[in-house]
Protein backbone atom coordinates (compact mmCIF):
# COMPACT_ATOMS: atom_id res chain seq x y z
CA UNK A 1 124.38 101.73 128.97
CA UNK A 2 122.64 98.33 128.81
CA UNK A 3 123.78 94.84 129.05
CA UNK A 4 124.13 93.36 125.55
CA UNK A 5 124.38 90.04 127.06
CA UNK A 6 120.43 90.91 128.32
CA UNK A 7 118.23 87.75 129.10
CA UNK A 8 114.39 88.19 128.28
CA UNK A 9 112.61 87.89 131.96
CA UNK A 10 110.29 85.24 131.96
CA UNK A 11 107.52 87.59 132.32
CA UNK A 12 107.98 90.77 130.09
CA UNK A 13 106.72 94.38 131.54
CA UNK A 14 106.40 97.99 130.34
CA UNK A 15 108.97 99.98 130.71
CA UNK A 16 107.82 103.14 130.29
CA UNK A 17 110.99 105.11 130.15
CA UNK A 18 112.74 102.80 127.47
CA UNK A 19 112.22 102.82 123.96
CA UNK A 20 114.44 106.31 123.23
CA UNK A 21 112.88 109.27 121.26
CA UNK A 22 109.34 108.04 121.09
CA UNK A 23 109.34 106.42 124.67
CA UNK A 24 106.66 108.60 125.46
CA UNK A 25 104.35 107.83 122.57
CA UNK A 26 104.42 104.06 122.47
CA UNK A 27 102.54 102.10 124.90
CA UNK A 28 101.84 97.83 125.03
CA UNK A 29 97.72 98.88 124.64
CA UNK A 30 95.34 100.18 122.28
CA UNK A 31 92.51 102.99 122.67
CA UNK A 32 92.25 106.50 123.34
CA UNK A 33 93.88 108.18 125.75
CA UNK A 34 91.73 111.45 125.88
CA UNK A 35 88.20 112.65 124.99
CA UNK A 36 88.92 115.16 121.33
CA UNK A 37 86.66 115.11 118.18
CA UNK A 38 88.43 115.48 115.07
CA UNK A 39 87.83 118.79 112.71
CA UNK A 40 85.52 118.68 109.66
CA UNK A 41 86.73 120.97 107.43
CA UNK A 42 84.78 121.61 103.40
CA UNK A 43 85.97 118.88 101.45
CA UNK A 44 84.69 115.52 100.36
CA UNK A 45 87.76 114.29 102.08
CA UNK A 46 89.37 114.70 105.50
CA UNK A 47 92.64 113.47 106.24
CA UNK A 48 94.32 113.42 109.75
CA UNK A 49 98.04 112.88 109.05
CA UNK A 50 101.53 114.19 109.48
CA UNK A 51 104.25 114.27 106.75
CA UNK A 52 106.23 111.54 107.47
CA UNK A 53 106.86 108.91 104.12
CA UNK A 54 103.21 107.34 105.12
CA UNK A 55 101.46 110.31 105.45
CA UNK A 56 103.35 111.75 101.83
CA UNK A 57 102.02 108.52 100.25
CA UNK A 58 98.42 110.18 100.57
CA UNK A 59 98.75 113.54 100.01
CA UNK A 60 100.88 112.86 96.87
CA UNK A 61 98.11 110.89 95.85
CA UNK A 62 95.19 113.80 96.14
CA UNK A 63 97.34 116.16 94.34
CA UNK A 64 98.06 113.80 91.70
CA UNK A 65 94.35 113.24 91.19
CA UNK A 66 93.47 116.86 91.42
CA UNK A 67 96.19 117.47 88.86
CA UNK A 68 94.49 114.96 86.59
CA UNK A 69 91.32 116.89 86.69
CA UNK A 70 89.44 114.76 89.52
CA UNK A 71 87.61 117.58 91.07
CA UNK A 72 85.91 115.17 93.75
CA UNK A 73 89.28 114.73 95.14
CA UNK A 74 89.32 118.07 96.75
CA UNK A 75 90.71 117.20 100.45
CA UNK A 76 91.11 119.05 103.69
CA UNK A 77 94.61 117.88 105.48
CA UNK A 78 94.76 118.32 109.42
CA UNK A 79 98.02 118.21 111.10
CA UNK A 80 98.07 115.42 113.63
CA UNK A 81 101.36 115.65 116.24
CA UNK A 82 101.69 112.61 117.00
CA UNK A 83 105.08 113.61 119.59
CA UNK A 84 101.91 115.15 121.50
CA UNK A 85 99.62 111.62 121.22
CA UNK A 86 96.97 113.57 119.13
CA UNK A 87 96.71 109.89 117.50
CA UNK A 88 95.63 108.57 120.35
CA UNK A 89 92.56 111.17 120.89
CA UNK A 90 88.86 109.49 120.64
CA UNK A 91 88.02 110.89 117.73
CA UNK A 92 91.27 109.87 115.65
CA UNK A 93 90.91 106.68 117.18
CA UNK A 94 87.25 105.82 115.70
CA UNK A 95 88.50 106.81 112.15
CA UNK A 96 91.93 104.69 112.80
CA UNK A 97 91.86 101.89 115.77
CA UNK A 98 95.27 101.46 115.31
CA UNK A 99 96.42 104.94 116.02
CA UNK A 100 99.05 105.64 113.54
CA UNK A 101 98.71 108.24 110.97
CA UNK A 102 97.39 108.71 108.48
CA UNK A 103 93.45 108.44 108.87
CA UNK A 104 90.94 109.17 106.09
CA UNK A 105 87.10 110.05 106.35
CA UNK A 106 85.51 109.63 102.86
CA UNK A 107 82.19 112.27 103.57
CA UNK A 108 81.28 112.01 100.26
CA UNK A 109 79.51 108.39 101.47
CA UNK A 110 76.39 108.42 103.18
CA UNK A 111 77.21 107.47 106.08
CA UNK A 112 80.90 108.54 105.71
CA UNK A 113 83.25 106.15 104.94
CA UNK A 114 86.43 105.62 107.22
CA UNK A 115 90.01 104.73 105.71
CA UNK A 116 93.02 103.65 107.82
CA UNK A 117 96.41 102.28 106.49
CA UNK A 118 98.32 104.13 103.83
CA UNK A 119 98.11 101.55 101.04
CA UNK A 120 94.63 100.70 102.07
CA UNK A 121 93.71 104.41 101.06
CA UNK A 122 95.69 104.27 97.65
CA UNK A 123 93.85 101.64 96.73
CA UNK A 124 90.38 102.77 97.97
CA UNK A 125 91.30 106.59 95.87
CA UNK A 126 92.28 104.86 93.01
CA UNK A 127 89.47 102.68 92.59
CA UNK A 128 87.11 105.56 93.57
CA UNK A 129 88.45 107.43 90.84
CA UNK A 130 89.80 105.13 88.00
CA UNK A 131 92.93 106.70 88.36
CA UNK A 132 96.88 105.49 88.74
CA UNK A 133 95.62 101.95 88.72
CA UNK A 134 95.66 99.78 85.60
CA UNK A 135 92.68 98.41 84.47
CA UNK A 136 94.71 95.53 82.33
CA UNK A 137 94.73 92.46 84.60
CA UNK A 138 98.38 92.04 84.40
CA UNK A 139 99.34 95.70 84.62
CA UNK A 140 97.15 95.82 87.63
CA UNK A 141 98.11 92.55 89.48
CA UNK A 142 102.39 94.10 88.75
CA UNK A 143 101.12 97.59 90.60
CA UNK A 144 99.52 95.94 93.98
CA UNK A 145 102.53 93.42 94.15
CA UNK A 146 104.54 96.69 94.37
CA UNK A 147 102.22 98.18 96.85
CA UNK A 148 102.29 94.99 99.28
CA UNK A 149 105.97 95.25 98.59
CA UNK A 150 106.48 98.30 100.32
CA UNK A 151 103.54 97.72 103.02
CA UNK A 152 105.59 94.53 104.04
CA UNK A 153 109.42 95.90 103.53
CA UNK A 154 109.22 99.42 104.51
CA UNK A 155 108.91 98.45 108.48
CA UNK A 156 112.23 96.90 108.02
CA UNK A 157 113.54 100.40 106.95
CA UNK A 158 111.50 102.53 109.70
CA UNK A 159 111.27 100.68 112.54
CA UNK A 160 114.00 98.35 112.06
CA UNK A 161 117.36 100.09 110.62
CA UNK A 162 115.94 103.61 111.35
CA UNK A 163 114.91 103.40 115.09
CA UNK A 164 118.18 101.41 116.06
CA UNK A 165 120.50 103.73 113.47
CA UNK A 166 118.75 106.99 114.20
CA UNK A 167 116.43 106.87 117.21
CA UNK A 168 117.51 103.88 120.16
CA UNK A 169 118.55 105.20 123.27
CA UNK A 170 121.50 102.72 122.49
CA UNK A 171 123.72 101.71 119.50
CA UNK A 172 124.57 98.46 118.96
CA UNK A 173 126.39 96.71 116.22
CA UNK A 174 124.32 93.44 115.81
CA UNK A 175 120.61 94.89 115.25
CA UNK A 176 122.48 97.85 112.94
CA UNK A 177 123.84 95.44 110.85
CA UNK A 178 121.07 93.07 110.87
CA UNK A 179 118.73 96.02 109.16
CA UNK A 180 121.50 97.56 106.94
CA UNK A 181 122.05 94.62 105.31
CA UNK A 182 117.78 93.97 104.88
CA UNK A 183 117.73 97.50 103.65
CA UNK A 184 120.75 96.95 100.71
CA UNK A 185 118.68 94.47 99.69
CA UNK A 186 115.70 95.69 99.53
CA UNK A 187 116.96 99.01 97.54
CA UNK A 188 119.19 95.90 95.36
CA UNK A 189 115.28 94.47 94.68
CA UNK A 190 114.62 98.14 93.72
CA UNK A 191 117.58 98.94 91.40
CA UNK A 192 117.54 95.68 89.33
CA UNK A 193 114.25 95.69 88.76
CA UNK A 194 114.00 99.98 87.88
CA UNK A 195 117.10 98.88 85.34
CA UNK A 196 114.20 97.39 83.29
CA UNK A 197 111.52 99.66 83.94
CA UNK A 198 110.47 103.68 84.07
CA UNK A 199 108.13 103.02 87.07
CA UNK A 200 107.66 100.16 89.62
CA UNK A 201 104.91 98.51 87.52
CA UNK A 202 106.41 99.29 84.06
CA UNK A 203 105.70 102.27 82.12
CA UNK A 204 102.70 104.14 83.66
CA UNK A 205 103.24 105.53 86.55
CA UNK A 206 101.07 104.29 89.36
CA UNK A 207 100.14 104.22 93.11
CA UNK A 208 103.13 101.87 93.21
CA UNK A 209 105.31 104.64 92.72
CA UNK A 210 103.52 107.13 95.49
CA UNK A 211 103.52 104.35 98.12
CA UNK A 212 107.57 103.36 97.72
CA UNK A 213 108.86 106.55 96.43
CA UNK A 214 108.50 108.72 99.98
CA UNK A 215 109.97 106.12 101.76
CA UNK A 216 112.93 104.62 99.35
CA UNK A 217 112.94 108.03 97.49
CA UNK A 218 113.65 110.08 100.93
CA UNK A 219 116.08 107.08 101.97
CA UNK A 220 118.37 108.00 98.62
CA UNK A 221 118.46 111.61 99.47
CA UNK A 222 119.26 111.47 102.82
CA UNK A 223 116.28 113.14 103.89
CA UNK A 224 115.55 110.46 106.53
CA UNK A 225 117.87 109.10 109.01
CA UNK A 226 120.69 110.94 107.17
CA UNK A 227 122.22 107.00 106.30
CA UNK A 228 123.36 107.81 102.68
CA UNK A 229 126.87 107.37 103.21
CA UNK A 230 126.63 104.72 105.52
CA UNK A 231 124.54 102.47 102.75
CA UNK A 232 126.41 103.52 100.10
CA UNK A 233 123.63 104.98 98.63
CA UNK A 234 125.11 106.03 95.74
CA UNK A 235 125.77 102.64 94.05
CA UNK A 236 121.54 102.32 93.58
CA UNK A 237 121.81 104.49 90.33
CA UNK A 238 118.51 103.04 88.60
CA UNK A 239 116.99 104.26 92.18
CA UNK A 240 118.39 107.48 91.75
CA UNK A 241 116.91 107.97 88.87
CA UNK A 242 113.63 106.88 89.39
CA UNK A 243 113.71 109.30 92.71
CA UNK A 244 114.89 112.11 90.37
CA UNK A 245 112.03 111.43 87.72
CA UNK A 246 109.02 110.80 90.25
CA UNK A 247 110.32 113.75 92.61
CA UNK A 248 110.08 115.81 89.40
CA UNK A 249 106.04 115.95 89.16
CA UNK A 250 104.62 118.77 90.30
CA UNK A 251 101.95 117.09 92.11
CA UNK A 252 104.81 115.25 94.29
CA UNK A 253 106.58 118.64 95.15
CA UNK A 254 102.84 120.12 96.68
CA UNK A 255 101.90 116.67 97.99
CA UNK A 256 105.26 115.82 100.22
CA UNK A 257 105.26 120.06 101.43
CA UNK A 258 101.50 118.63 103.01
CA UNK A 259 101.56 118.47 106.71
CA UNK A 260 105.15 119.11 107.02
CA UNK A 261 106.65 120.11 110.14
CA UNK A 262 110.99 119.63 109.64
CA UNK A 263 113.27 120.97 107.31
CA UNK A 264 113.39 124.22 105.62
CA UNK A 265 110.11 126.72 106.29
CA UNK A 266 109.05 127.03 102.80
CA UNK A 267 108.74 123.23 102.12
CA UNK A 268 106.30 123.15 104.95
CA UNK A 269 102.71 123.29 104.52
CA UNK A 270 101.16 122.48 107.99
CA UNK A 271 97.47 122.44 107.19
CA UNK A 272 95.86 122.35 103.27
CA UNK A 273 92.48 123.51 103.22
CA UNK A 274 92.74 124.92 99.58
CA UNK A 275 94.80 124.58 96.48
CA UNK A 276 95.75 128.06 96.93
CA UNK A 277 97.35 127.24 99.84
CA UNK A 278 100.99 126.48 97.75
CA UNK A 279 100.51 129.81 96.62
CA UNK A 280 100.60 131.90 99.33
CA UNK A 281 104.17 131.84 101.10
CA UNK A 282 104.77 129.03 103.48
CA UNK A 283 106.18 130.83 106.01
CA UNK A 284 103.40 133.51 106.19
CA UNK A 285 100.94 130.68 107.03
CA UNK A 286 103.22 129.27 109.87
CA UNK A 287 103.46 132.89 111.38
CA UNK A 288 99.58 132.46 111.10
CA UNK A 289 99.29 129.42 112.93
CA UNK A 290 101.78 130.80 115.84
């Protein structure tokens, strides 16, 4: 086990073997590692993603738009296997220079528009279709504030708590306690706010809910990090109420299936290219893709 009293060297060097479960895909440089073009389907929007919380935000948004009757929101969702380094292909990097899922191309514009960062995608789609983002000044500002809260807070949950609690090659008390404290503070922020609000921005479901639910809703159900007992998530009753309320929406149920590669087979839809994909048994699709 590494010495917990580690002293940083004068000059940091990259240890390719360090980093635990994700060591093979973490590196201190940007840019592509190999040439490969991204596939392009028949719909206006081409999404390149994986069913992690950041990816689920966007597939929920697409499914909600379609459920609301916005036919122009039809999309193809292509699976990007980050464990195999697919996010470092030349095609993917051209869409997202940060090499993180999701990445999105809007082919309804000329030339096509690239969008990267999940929060940016939610704003882009909300503004393009005039949906899930209030026009009232105060309400719109509240939605955007909570969207920015999620973008700033989730790294402490994922790269902080999630990494040291679930994925780090060694477990040390200080980083786990430090990030557990912060995650519980975030849950308390949400719980206090949701005690007085049906949704994140009041009584109106919005992109703020779509951004926050895949991370914190999954946390309180144990779907990420299996840390419910450790964090005593049952204490956050208002978060749990909101988690169930949002999770019961049919579009959310569909969105969380797309590009999912873990969990029960019936909960997975590796790629989505047509609304009818949800009508066919997911297991059949998995076998066809194998």
